């Protein structure tokens, strides 16, 4: 009988993109990568706060707020790039597949990419609605009636889904 994995292990595997068994080596490496990422993010946020405090004396508060709202996602994306780069360098995110299982595995990757693309399309749709309302002052009803809102979200979801399928397809390694 197979042993059920805990929720924490499943979350770690999902967040770090690890396929298969999370052995002791992989667990040690993702703990090390996570600790380094936390240190980088904390340092980046302290630096961002310092810059905001210094900028508040010389610039209007709205400019400082916009800089903070842009700086936070940029620092998080920087940490995400570091984590992705380390996972790729250590080859922890490889998907090892036997030759007989390659077809079904690629089919699962296609469905997974379709789901992720749909999720991203919904997210972009909601973000477009929110940004049209907040920045441009367009009512939600007008944005919902505009075909461009749906087209933008659908195209973004399609591009993201195809991109993620390509990334995952490159990670598949056929073992002999």
Protein backbone atom coordinates (compact mmCIF):
# COMPACT_ATOMS: atom_id res chain seq x y z
CA UNK A 1 0.00 0.00 0.00
CA UNK A 2 1.32 3.45 -0.82
CA UNK A 3 2.06 5.88 1.96
CA UNK A 4 0.28 9.23 1.84
CA UNK A 5 2.51 12.27 1.76
CA UNK A 6 1.84 15.13 4.14
CA UNK A 7 0.39 18.43 3.03
CA UNK A 8 3.70 20.20 3.77
CA UNK A 9 5.63 17.83 1.50
CA UNK A 10 3.06 18.20 -1.28
CA UNK A 11 3.25 22.02 -0.97
CA UNK A 12 7.06 21.95 -1.09
CA UNK A 13 7.03 19.75 -4.16
CA UNK A 14 4.46 21.95 -5.87
CA UNK A 15 6.11 25.29 -5.04
CA UNK A 16 9.58 24.14 -6.06
CA UNK A 17 8.40 22.14 -9.08
CA UNK A 18 9.86 18.85 -7.87
CA UNK A 19 8.51 15.76 -9.56
CA UNK A 20 8.63 12.32 -7.98
CA UNK A 21 9.96 11.48 -4.53
CA UNK A 22 11.24 14.24 -2.24
CA UNK A 23 14.30 12.47 -0.88
CA UNK A 24 16.70 13.71 1.80
CA UNK A 25 19.11 15.34 -0.68
CA UNK A 26 16.35 17.28 -2.47
CA UNK A 27 14.84 18.33 0.86
CA UNK A 28 18.21 19.58 2.12
CA UNK A 29 18.84 21.52 -1.08
CA UNK A 30 15.43 23.19 -1.20
CA UNK A 31 15.82 24.15 2.47
CA UNK A 32 19.16 25.76 1.63
CA UNK A 33 17.72 27.52 -1.43
CA UNK A 34 14.72 28.71 0.59
CA UNK A 35 16.93 30.07 3.36
CA UNK A 36 19.08 31.97 0.85
CA UNK A 37 15.95 33.30 -0.87
CA UNK A 38 14.57 34.49 2.47
CA UNK A 39 17.81 36.31 3.24
CA UNK A 40 17.80 37.94 -0.23
CA UNK A 41 14.17 38.98 0.08
CA UNK A 42 14.61 40.37 3.58
CA UNK A 43 17.65 42.38 2.50
CA UNK A 44 15.83 43.66 -0.56
CA UNK A 45 12.82 44.72 1.49
CA UNK A 46 15.02 46.51 4.05
CA UNK A 47 16.74 48.34 1.19
CA UNK A 48 13.36 49.18 -0.36
CA UNK A 49 12.14 50.60 2.97
CA UNK A 50 15.30 52.68 3.35
CA UNK A 51 14.93 54.11 -0.15
CA UNK A 52 11.25 54.88 0.54
CA UNK A 53 12.10 56.71 3.76
CA UNK A 54 14.78 58.78 2.03
CA UNK A 55 12.55 59.46 -0.98
CA UNK A 56 9.62 60.55 1.19
CA UNK A 57 11.53 63.69 2.15
CA UNK A 58 12.17 64.79 -1.43
CA UNK A 59 9.24 63.47 -3.51
CA UNK A 60 5.43 63.56 -3.22
CA UNK A 61 3.87 60.72 -1.28
CA UNK A 62 2.06 59.34 -4.33
CA UNK A 63 5.36 58.90 -6.18
CA UNK A 64 6.83 57.10 -3.19
CA UNK A 65 3.76 54.86 -2.95
CA UNK A 66 4.00 53.96 -6.65
CA UNK A 67 7.71 53.19 -6.22
CA UNK A 68 6.95 50.93 -3.26
CA UNK A 69 4.15 49.18 -5.12
CA UNK A 70 6.51 48.53 -8.03
CA UNK A 71 9.53 47.67 -5.88
CA UNK A 72 7.85 44.92 -3.88
CA UNK A 73 6.84 42.75 -6.86
CA UNK A 74 10.22 43.35 -8.49
CA UNK A 75 12.07 42.14 -5.39
CA UNK A 76 9.81 39.08 -5.18
CA UNK A 77 10.40 38.34 -8.87
CA UNK A 78 14.14 38.65 -8.29
CA UNK A 79 13.97 36.02 -5.57
CA UNK A 80 11.84 33.80 -7.80
CA UNK A 81 14.45 34.04 -10.55
CA UNK A 82 17.14 33.05 -8.03
CA UNK A 83 15.12 30.04 -6.85
CA UNK A 84 14.39 28.94 -10.43
CA UNK A 85 18.02 29.35 -11.44
CA UNK A 86 19.27 27.29 -8.47
CA UNK A 87 16.70 24.54 -9.07
CA UNK A 88 17.78 24.36 -12.71
CA UNK A 89 21.46 24.42 -11.81
CA UNK A 90 21.09 21.57 -9.31
CA UNK A 91 18.68 19.75 -11.67
CA UNK A 92 16.14 19.29 -8.89
CA UNK A 93 13.20 20.08 -11.16
CA UNK A 94 13.88 17.46 -13.82
CA UNK A 95 10.98 15.18 -14.71
CA UNK A 96 12.39 11.68 -15.17
CA UNK A 97 10.23 9.42 -17.32
CA UNK A 98 10.63 5.89 -18.60
CA UNK A 99 10.31 5.59 -22.40
CA UNK A 100 7.04 3.66 -22.06
CA UNK A 101 5.50 6.41 -19.91
CA UNK A 102 6.51 9.34 -22.14
CA UNK A 103 3.22 9.61 -24.07
CA UNK A 104 0.89 9.67 -21.04
CA UNK A 105 3.25 12.01 -19.21
CA UNK A 106 3.26 14.52 -22.09
CA UNK A 107 -0.54 14.30 -22.22
CA UNK A 108 -0.69 15.16 -18.50
CA UNK A 109 1.69 18.07 -19.11
CA UNK A 110 -0.61 19.36 -21.87
CA UNK A 111 -3.61 19.27 -19.53
CA UNK A 112 -1.57 20.91 -16.80
CA UNK A 113 -0.49 23.68 -19.20
CA UNK A 114 -4.11 24.15 -20.30
CA UNK A 115 -5.18 24.53 -16.67
CA UNK A 116 -2.37 26.96 -15.85
CA UNK A 117 -3.11 28.99 -18.99
CA UNK A 118 -6.80 29.18 -18.04
CA UNK A 119 -5.94 30.20 -14.51
CA UNK A 120 -3.63 32.91 -15.85
CA UNK A 121 -6.33 34.10 -18.28
CA UNK A 122 -8.82 34.49 -15.42
CA UNK A 123 -6.21 36.32 -13.36
CA UNK A 124 -5.40 38.66 -16.27
CA UNK A 125 -9.11 39.27 -16.86
CA UNK A 126 -9.59 40.32 -13.23
CA UNK A 127 -6.42 42.42 -13.29
CA UNK A 128 -7.53 44.15 -16.49
CA UNK A 129 -10.92 44.93 -14.98
CA UNK A 130 -9.28 46.30 -11.84
CA UNK A 131 -6.67 48.36 -13.69
CA UNK A 132 -9.25 49.80 -16.10
CA UNK A 133 -11.38 50.84 -13.15
CA UNK A 134 -8.54 52.16 -10.97
CA UNK A 135 -6.25 53.81 -13.52
CA UNK A 136 -8.55 54.81 -16.37
CA UNK A 137 -11.78 55.28 -14.40
CA UNK A 138 -13.73 52.93 -16.68
CA UNK A 139 -16.73 51.33 -15.00
CA UNK A 140 -16.75 47.57 -14.50
CA UNK A 141 -19.87 47.21 -16.65
CA UNK A 142 -18.15 48.95 -19.55
CA UNK A 143 -15.05 46.77 -19.18
CA UNK A 144 -17.20 43.64 -19.07
CA UNK A 145 -18.96 44.70 -22.28
CA UNK A 146 -15.71 45.36 -24.14
CA UNK A 147 -14.42 42.53 -26.32
CA UNK A 148 -10.82 43.72 -25.88
CA UNK A 149 -10.86 42.76 -22.20
CA UNK A 150 -11.66 39.15 -23.05
CA UNK A 151 -9.26 39.08 -26.00
CA UNK A 152 -6.37 40.38 -23.89
CA UNK A 153 -7.00 37.87 -21.12
CA UNK A 154 -7.44 34.97 -23.55
CA UNK A 155 -4.31 35.80 -25.52
CA UNK A 156 -2.28 36.20 -22.32
CA UNK A 157 -3.56 32.85 -21.05
CA UNK A 158 -2.78 31.13 -24.34
CA UNK A 159 0.76 32.53 -24.50
CA UNK A 160 1.41 31.65 -20.86
CA UNK A 161 0.03 28.11 -21.25
CA UNK A 162 2.14 27.44 -24.35
CA UNK A 163 5.20 28.91 -22.62
CA UNK A 164 4.72 26.74 -19.53
CA UNK A 165 4.23 23.62 -21.66
CA UNK A 166 7.52 24.41 -23.41
CA UNK A 167 9.31 24.89 -20.11
CA UNK A 168 7.93 21.66 -18.68
CA UNK A 169 8.64 19.78 -21.91
CA UNK A 170 12.29 20.84 -21.73
CA UNK A 171 12.47 19.49 -18.18
CA UNK A 172 11.36 15.98 -19.24
CA UNK A 173 14.29 13.58 -19.27
CA UNK A 174 13.82 10.08 -20.67
CA UNK A 175 15.70 7.57 -18.52
CA UNK A 176 16.90 4.33 -20.01
